[in-house]
Amino acid sequence: MANDTNNTSSSVIATETTSASHVIKIDGYTVTKDLMENGEFVSSIPFSVGDFLWNVRYYPNGNCSKNADYLSFSVFLESHWAEDVKAKFSFKLLDTNNKPGFSSKGSHRKPSVEVPAGRLDLHLGNLLSNKKMNGKDVTIYVGPLKSKIWKLGVFRLLLHFMYNDSLPETWSQDAMMAQHLLVAADWYNVGRLKLICEEKLAKHIDCNMVATTLVLAEQHSCQGLKEACLEFLASPTNLERMMRTDGYKHLKISCPIVLNELIARLLPPNMKAARQIAMDLR
């Protein structure tokens, strides 16, 4: 007769966990809050924890509409090859003494399938450069215009921006090209491209170009660019050099009212009457 015996065994299921901390300093908080919209974020430099790469996403105006009045932070797993990764995290705001203030915790499991963000600009850009299509999916009517802005290089840049929402990295940094491209952008009402050109010209004002740039700013309602030109000409040295250029002749003929405004700005503050007369001549 067999003896009854109770055979028992045991085992341990262990999972490896790793913990770490990462400190992030936000420089220019006010600037990022003013420039970025709700839902837009800035990613930190990737860092390694548990053989995986992570980054912290910082949303100056919240990660969704209900958090628009708050800061939002999230942890993002950059190692796309990783599977079934779980993470718990907590955020702590440090005061000037590096002491924790507010803190928050959360967790998230990486989904089995991730849908990447839409890149319509990339798809349209590929469509434009596709040799099989020969770039002929739309027709842009230029009209019977005879102008330097319709040089092939300028129009290619305009078309590239319309498809990609950006200019190519290799585009010419010549200020003259930026002038022509600004005119084309204004003609087709491509507002963002116009501002890009305006910003570039405002950063590259010199005595040789300031007169023609000022005419351009006046004719195409670029107030920021106009102010930059007038500030540049507030210097007597810059003003004298500008007056010796061919662009000055063009300025006198094309936009004499701008010269009146310039004169009014150059007059001393105590000459209020003279300043007013100059402005009335506009």
Protein backbone atom coordinates (compact mmCIF):
# COMPACT_ATOMS: atom_id res chain seq x y z
CA MET A 1 0.00 0.00 0.00
CA ALA A 2 1.48 3.27 -1.03
CA ASN A 3 2.05 6.01 1.49
CA ASP A 4 0.36 9.37 0.91
CA THR A 5 2.94 12.15 0.82
CA ASN A 6 2.47 15.86 0.23
CA ASN A 7 5.11 17.03 -2.25
CA THR A 8 5.30 20.82 -2.42
CA SER A 9 7.54 23.05 -4.47
CA SER A 10 7.95 26.77 -4.84
CA SER A 11 9.27 29.23 -7.40
CA VAL A 12 9.66 32.97 -7.68
CA ILE A 13 8.71 35.09 -10.66
CA ALA A 14 10.90 38.16 -10.61
CA THR A 15 10.82 41.17 -12.90
CA GLU A 16 13.72 43.52 -13.17
CA THR A 17 13.01 47.11 -12.27
CA THR A 18 15.20 50.13 -12.61
CA SER A 19 14.72 53.54 -11.10
CA ALA A 20 16.45 56.80 -11.88
CA SER A 21 15.96 60.53 -11.63
CA HIS A 22 16.44 63.24 -14.24
CA VAL A 23 16.61 66.98 -13.61
CA ILE A 24 15.35 69.40 -16.26
CA LYS A 25 15.91 73.14 -16.20
CA ILE A 26 13.59 75.30 -18.31
CA ASP A 27 15.31 78.33 -19.77
CA GLY A 28 13.11 81.02 -21.30
CA TYR A 29 9.83 79.89 -19.76
CA THR A 30 8.00 83.11 -20.67
CA VAL A 31 9.20 82.97 -24.28
CA THR A 32 8.08 79.37 -24.81
CA LYS A 33 4.71 80.09 -23.21
CA ASP A 34 4.14 83.06 -25.55
CA LEU A 35 5.29 81.28 -28.72
CA MET A 36 3.78 77.81 -28.32
CA GLU A 37 0.14 76.77 -28.56
CA ASN A 38 -1.83 74.40 -26.36
CA GLY A 39 -0.73 70.83 -27.14
CA GLU A 40 2.68 71.82 -28.48
CA PHE A 41 5.71 70.53 -26.62
CA VAL A 42 9.48 70.70 -26.36
CA SER A 43 11.39 67.44 -25.87
CA SER A 44 14.34 67.09 -23.55
CA ILE A 45 17.60 65.49 -24.60
CA PRO A 46 17.12 61.68 -24.55
CA PHE A 47 18.40 59.88 -21.46
CA SER A 48 18.86 56.18 -20.67
CA VAL A 49 17.04 54.24 -17.95
CA GLY A 50 16.87 50.43 -17.87
CA ASP A 51 18.54 50.01 -21.28
CA PHE A 52 15.84 52.15 -22.89
CA LEU A 53 15.90 55.71 -24.17
CA TRP A 54 13.39 58.18 -22.78
CA ASN A 55 12.70 61.88 -22.97
CA VAL A 56 10.52 64.32 -21.09
CA ARG A 57 8.00 66.37 -23.02
CA TYR A 58 7.28 69.85 -21.70
CA TYR A 59 4.02 71.56 -22.69
CA PRO A 60 4.19 75.30 -21.75
CA ASN A 61 0.43 75.71 -22.27
CA GLY A 62 -0.83 72.27 -21.32
CA ASN A 63 -1.07 69.00 -23.23
CA CYS A 64 -4.80 69.32 -23.95
CA SER A 65 -7.54 71.94 -23.92
CA LYS A 66 -8.62 71.27 -20.34
CA ASN A 67 -5.04 71.90 -19.16
CA ALA A 68 -4.51 75.06 -21.20
CA ASP A 69 -3.94 77.15 -18.06
CA TYR A 70 -1.31 74.80 -16.64
CA LEU A 71 2.09 73.33 -17.40
CA SER A 72 2.12 69.69 -18.51
CA PHE A 73 4.91 67.13 -18.50
CA SER A 74 5.02 63.57 -19.78
CA VAL A 75 7.58 60.79 -20.15
CA PHE A 76 8.01 59.42 -23.68
CA LEU A 77 9.67 56.10 -24.57
CA GLU A 78 11.97 56.71 -27.55
CA SER A 79 13.08 53.09 -27.97
CA HIS A 80 10.47 52.09 -30.55
CA TRP A 81 11.72 48.51 -30.68
CA ALA A 82 10.86 47.95 -26.99
CA GLU A 83 7.89 45.70 -26.22
CA ASP A 84 5.62 45.46 -23.18
CA VAL A 85 7.42 48.16 -21.23
CA LYS A 86 5.72 49.54 -18.15
CA ALA A 87 6.79 52.66 -16.34
CA LYS A 88 5.77 54.64 -13.31
CA PHE A 89 6.96 58.17 -12.91
CA SER A 90 6.60 61.20 -10.73
CA PHE A 91 7.37 64.86 -11.32
CA LYS A 92 8.52 67.30 -8.70
CA LEU A 93 8.94 71.02 -9.16
CA LEU A 94 12.06 72.26 -7.39
CA ASP A 95 12.27 75.70 -5.84
CA THR A 96 15.31 77.98 -5.94
CA ASN A 97 16.89 75.89 -3.17
CA ASN A 98 16.36 72.66 -5.17
CA LYS A 99 13.73 71.54 -2.66
CA PRO A 100 10.64 69.70 -3.94
CA GLY A 101 7.46 71.71 -4.13
CA PHE A 102 4.51 70.40 -6.14
CA SER A 103 4.67 66.74 -7.26
CA SER A 104 2.57 64.46 -9.46
CA LYS A 105 2.62 60.75 -10.31
CA GLY A 106 1.47 58.70 -13.25
CA SER A 107 1.93 55.51 -15.27
CA HIS A 108 1.39 54.39 -18.81
CA ARG A 109 1.80 51.19 -20.76
CA LYS A 110 3.24 51.44 -24.23
CA PRO A 111 0.49 50.56 -26.74
CA SER A 112 0.94 47.59 -29.05
CA VAL A 113 0.49 49.76 -32.11
CA GLU A 114 1.50 53.40 -32.37
CA VAL A 115 0.13 55.68 -35.05
CA PRO A 116 2.75 58.31 -35.95
CA ALA A 117 1.84 61.96 -36.18
CA GLY A 118 0.52 63.09 -39.53
CA ARG A 119 3.13 64.43 -41.98
CA LEU A 120 1.04 65.84 -44.81
CA ASP A 121 3.85 68.27 -45.61
CA LEU A 122 6.22 65.33 -46.16
CA HIS A 123 3.75 63.51 -48.40
CA LEU A 124 3.11 66.60 -50.51
CA GLY A 125 6.83 67.31 -50.71
CA ASN A 126 7.45 63.79 -52.01
CA LEU A 127 4.66 64.29 -54.51
CA LEU A 128 6.30 67.46 -55.80
CA SER A 129 9.72 65.80 -56.18
CA ASN A 130 8.35 62.57 -57.68
CA LYS A 131 9.80 62.30 -61.17
CA LYS A 132 6.93 60.08 -62.31
CA MET A 133 4.49 62.90 -61.58
CA ASN A 134 6.80 65.52 -63.10
CA GLY A 135 5.42 67.90 -60.48
CA LYS A 136 2.15 68.20 -62.44
CA ASP A 137 -0.64 67.66 -59.96
CA VAL A 138 -1.76 71.30 -59.89
CA THR A 139 -1.42 74.34 -62.11
CA ILE A 140 -0.63 77.78 -60.70
CA TYR A 141 -1.69 80.68 -62.91
CA VAL A 142 0.92 83.43 -62.94
CA GLY A 143 -0.64 85.76 -65.48
CA PRO A 144 1.02 88.16 -67.93
CA LEU A 145 3.43 89.61 -65.37
CA LYS A 146 6.90 90.75 -66.24
CA SER A 147 8.77 90.90 -62.98
CA LYS A 148 11.99 89.62 -61.44
CA ILE A 149 9.97 87.80 -58.80
CA TRP A 150 9.00 85.19 -61.37
CA LYS A 151 12.54 84.04 -61.93
CA LEU A 152 12.65 80.25 -61.94
CA GLY A 153 14.62 80.05 -58.69
CA VAL A 154 12.13 82.25 -56.83
CA PHE A 155 9.12 80.35 -58.11
CA ARG A 156 10.68 77.01 -57.21
CA LEU A 157 11.17 78.20 -53.64
CA LEU A 158 7.58 79.43 -53.49
CA LEU A 159 6.29 76.11 -54.79
CA HIS A 160 8.52 74.16 -52.40
CA PHE A 161 7.12 76.11 -49.45
CA MET A 162 3.52 75.59 -50.58
CA TYR A 163 4.06 71.83 -50.57
CA ASN A 164 6.40 71.43 -47.58
CA ASP A 165 5.51 74.38 -45.31
CA SER A 166 9.24 75.05 -45.10
CA LEU A 167 12.11 76.23 -47.25
CA PRO A 168 14.85 73.79 -48.28
CA GLU A 169 17.97 73.81 -46.12
CA THR A 170 20.04 74.59 -49.19
CA TRP A 171 18.04 77.64 -50.26
CA SER A 172 20.10 80.71 -51.07
CA GLN A 173 20.71 82.96 -48.08
CA ASP A 174 21.14 85.95 -50.39
CA ALA A 175 19.14 88.97 -49.20
CA MET A 176 18.16 89.81 -52.79
CA MET A 177 16.51 86.40 -53.13
CA ALA A 178 14.64 87.00 -49.88
CA GLN A 179 13.34 90.30 -51.29
CA HIS A 180 12.01 88.64 -54.44
CA LEU A 181 10.52 85.77 -52.44
CA LEU A 182 8.76 88.21 -50.11
CA VAL A 183 7.08 89.88 -53.09
CA ALA A 184 5.97 86.50 -54.45
CA ALA A 185 4.65 85.44 -51.04
CA ASP A 186 2.66 88.66 -50.75
CA TRP A 187 1.24 88.24 -54.26
CA TYR A 188 -0.06 84.74 -53.47
CA ASN A 189 -0.98 85.65 -49.88
CA VAL A 190 1.34 83.06 -48.34
CA GLY A 191 1.50 84.85 -45.00
CA ARG A 192 3.95 82.61 -43.14
CA LEU A 193 6.49 82.66 -45.97
CA LYS A 194 6.18 86.44 -46.13
CA LEU A 195 7.00 86.69 -42.42
CA ILE A 196 9.99 84.36 -42.82
CA CYS A 197 11.40 86.61 -45.55
CA GLU A 198 10.60 89.72 -43.53
CA GLU A 199 12.43 88.33 -40.50
CA LYS A 200 15.48 87.38 -42.57
CA LEU A 201 15.69 90.83 -44.18
CA ALA A 202 15.31 92.55 -40.81
CA LYS A 203 18.33 90.62 -39.53
CA HIS A 204 20.49 91.46 -42.55
CA ILE A 205 20.07 95.19 -43.03
CA ASP A 206 23.10 97.05 -44.36
CA CYS A 207 23.77 100.41 -45.99
CA ASN A 208 23.62 99.01 -49.52
CA MET A 209 20.27 97.22 -49.12
CA VAL A 210 18.37 99.33 -46.60
CA ALA A 211 16.85 101.76 -49.12
CA THR A 212 15.41 99.07 -51.40
CA THR A 213 14.32 97.05 -48.38
CA LEU A 214 12.51 100.09 -46.99
CA VAL A 215 10.66 100.54 -50.28
CA LEU A 216 9.74 96.87 -50.22
CA ALA A 217 8.47 97.12 -46.64
CA GLU A 218 6.31 100.15 -47.45
CA GLN A 219 4.82 98.70 -50.64
CA HIS A 220 4.00 95.32 -49.10
CA SER A 221 2.84 96.44 -45.64
CA CYS A 222 5.75 94.91 -43.69
CA GLN A 223 5.57 97.12 -40.62
CA GLY A 224 8.14 95.19 -38.60
CA LEU A 225 10.67 95.33 -41.42
CA LYS A 226 9.97 99.02 -41.96
CA GLU A 227 10.64 99.78 -38.29
CA ALA A 228 13.92 97.87 -38.44
CA CYS A 229 15.03 99.93 -41.46
CA LEU A 230 14.10 103.24 -39.83
CA GLU A 231 15.96 102.29 -36.66
CA PHE A 232 19.02 101.42 -38.74
CA LEU A 233 18.88 104.82 -40.48
CA ALA A 234 18.65 106.64 -37.15
CA SER A 235 22.45 106.38 -37.13
CA PRO A 236 23.95 109.42 -38.97
CA THR A 237 26.73 107.24 -40.37
CA ASN A 238 24.31 104.68 -41.79
CA LEU A 239 22.12 107.45 -43.17
CA GLU A 240 24.98 109.15 -45.01
CA ARG A 241 26.18 105.89 -46.52
CA MET A 242 22.66 104.98 -47.64
CA MET A 243 22.29 108.35 -49.41
CA ARG A 244 25.27 107.50 -51.62
CA THR A 245 23.64 104.34 -53.00
CA ASP A 246 21.48 103.86 -56.08
CA GLY A 247 18.79 102.52 -53.78
CA TYR A 248 18.36 105.99 -52.29
CA LYS A 249 17.39 107.35 -55.71
CA HIS A 250 14.84 104.57 -56.00
CA LEU A 251 13.51 105.40 -52.53
CA LYS A 252 13.05 109.10 -53.38
CA ILE A 253 11.08 108.26 -56.51
CA SER A 254 9.05 105.31 -55.23
CA CYS A 255 8.23 106.27 -51.63
CA PRO A 256 8.83 109.96 -50.87
CA ILE A 257 6.38 109.78 -47.97
CA VAL A 258 8.72 107.36 -46.20
CA LEU A 259 11.45 110.01 -46.37
CA ASN A 260 9.10 112.45 -44.62
CA GLU A 261 8.59 109.92 -41.84
CA LEU A 262 12.35 109.40 -41.61
CA ILE A 263 12.94 113.16 -41.35
CA ALA A 264 10.35 113.44 -38.59
CA ARG A 265 12.13 110.73 -36.62
CA LEU A 266 15.53 112.34 -37.04
CA LEU A 267 14.44 115.76 -35.78
CA PRO A 268 15.16 116.51 -32.11
CA PRO A 269 12.24 115.92 -29.70
CA ASN A 270 12.01 119.65 -28.91
CA MET A 271 11.18 120.44 -32.54
CA LYS A 272 7.62 119.17 -32.28
CA ALA A 273 6.22 121.59 -34.85
CA ALA A 274 8.79 120.64 -37.47
CA ARG A 275 8.19 116.97 -36.78
CA GLN A 276 4.45 117.47 -37.24
CA ILE A 277 4.96 119.31 -40.54
CA ALA A 278 7.12 116.47 -41.83
CA MET A 279 4.46 113.95 -40.88
CA ASP A 280 1.69 116.06 -42.47
CA LEU A 281 3.54 115.89 -45.78
CA ARG A 282 2.92 112.15 -45.96
